[in-house]
Amino acid sequence: MAECLNVVGLARNGHRFLFLCDDRSYGTLDRTLQEFVDDPELDFSEADKLLIELQLPHPVQSNEPEAPEDPTWL
C-alpha cells in the first residue's frame, strides 16, 4: 500500500498555516498543533487545532479488539 502525504491548511485574519504529515506522523502533528495553541505570539486557537484535525483522513484505530466474523460471537 502506498503511503499518503496529507496537506492541510488554514487561512484567516491574514495568517496562513500549512501542515504536512504522513500517515505515521499524526502524533507529531498533534504535538505541533498544541505548541501553536500554547504560543502566545501566534494567533492560533483550540478551534483552529480542531479544524485542522477534522480535515485529516485519520486511519481507523480502535482500542477494542475486533470480534470474530462469526455471528454467534457475543
Protein backbone atom coordinates (compact mmCIF):
# COMPACT_ATOMS: atom_id res chain seq x y z
CA MET A 1 0.00 0.00 0.00
CA ALA A 2 1.34 3.43 -0.91
CA GLU A 3 1.87 5.93 1.85
CA CYS A 4 -0.09 9.18 1.60
CA LEU A 5 1.09 12.68 2.32
CA ASN A 6 -1.64 14.79 3.87
CA VAL A 7 -1.65 18.54 3.22
CA VAL A 8 -3.93 20.65 5.41
CA GLY A 9 -4.14 24.40 5.56
CA LEU A 10 -5.86 27.18 7.43
CA ALA A 11 -6.06 30.83 6.36
CA ARG A 12 -7.78 33.53 8.37
CA ASN A 13 -7.19 37.08 9.59
CA GLY A 14 -4.18 37.46 7.31
CA HIS A 15 -2.45 34.38 8.73
CA ARG A 16 -1.74 31.23 6.77
CA PHE A 17 -0.87 27.89 8.30
CA LEU A 18 0.06 24.86 6.20
CA PHE A 19 0.73 21.43 7.66
CA LEU A 20 2.12 18.31 6.02
CA CYS A 21 2.11 14.86 7.58
CA ASP A 22 2.18 11.27 6.50
CA ASP A 23 0.07 8.51 7.98
CA ARG A 24 2.65 7.80 10.69
CA SER A 25 3.00 11.42 11.85
CA TYR A 26 -0.36 12.17 13.45
CA GLY A 27 1.17 12.21 16.94
CA THR A 28 3.88 14.63 15.89
CA LEU A 29 1.32 16.86 14.18
CA ASP A 30 -0.89 16.83 17.28
CA ARG A 31 2.03 17.95 19.46
CA THR A 32 2.94 20.67 16.96
CA LEU A 33 -0.63 21.94 16.85
CA GLN A 34 -0.71 22.07 20.66
CA GLU A 35 2.55 24.04 20.66
CA PHE A 36 0.94 26.52 18.26
CA VAL A 37 -2.08 26.83 20.58
CA ASP A 38 0.18 27.37 23.60
CA ASP A 39 2.33 30.02 21.86
CA PRO A 40 1.00 33.46 22.87
CA GLU A 41 2.72 35.07 19.87
CA LEU A 42 0.69 33.03 17.39
CA ASP A 43 -2.94 33.73 16.57
CA PHE A 44 -3.82 30.02 16.73
CA SER A 45 -6.61 28.70 18.95
CA GLU A 46 -8.02 25.37 20.10
CA ALA A 47 -10.74 25.87 17.46
CA ASP A 48 -8.04 26.18 14.77
CA LYS A 49 -6.43 22.99 16.02
CA LEU A 50 -9.77 21.20 15.83
CA LEU A 51 -10.39 22.46 12.28
CA ILE A 52 -7.01 21.10 11.18
CA GLU A 53 -7.63 17.75 12.88
CA LEU A 54 -11.07 17.41 11.30
CA GLN A 55 -9.59 17.83 7.83
CA LEU A 56 -7.19 14.91 8.25
CA PRO A 57 -8.19 11.47 7.00
CA HIS A 58 -7.43 9.63 10.22
CA PRO A 59 -6.78 5.94 9.90
CA VAL A 60 -9.30 3.84 11.76
CA GLN A 61 -7.75 2.88 15.08
CA SER A 62 -9.61 1.13 17.83
CA ASN A 63 -8.51 0.09 21.29
CA GLU A 64 -11.23 -2.56 21.28
CA PRO A 65 -10.32 -5.99 19.93
CA GLU A 66 -12.26 -6.91 16.85
CA ALA A 67 -14.91 -9.54 17.29
CA PRO A 68 -14.63 -12.57 15.05
CA GLU A 69 -16.87 -12.57 11.99
CA ASP A 70 -18.82 -15.48 13.48
CA PRO A 71 -22.33 -14.06 14.17
CA THR A 72 -22.65 -16.23 17.30
CA TRP A 73 -19.88 -14.22 18.97
CA LEU A 74 -21.19 -12.22 21.94
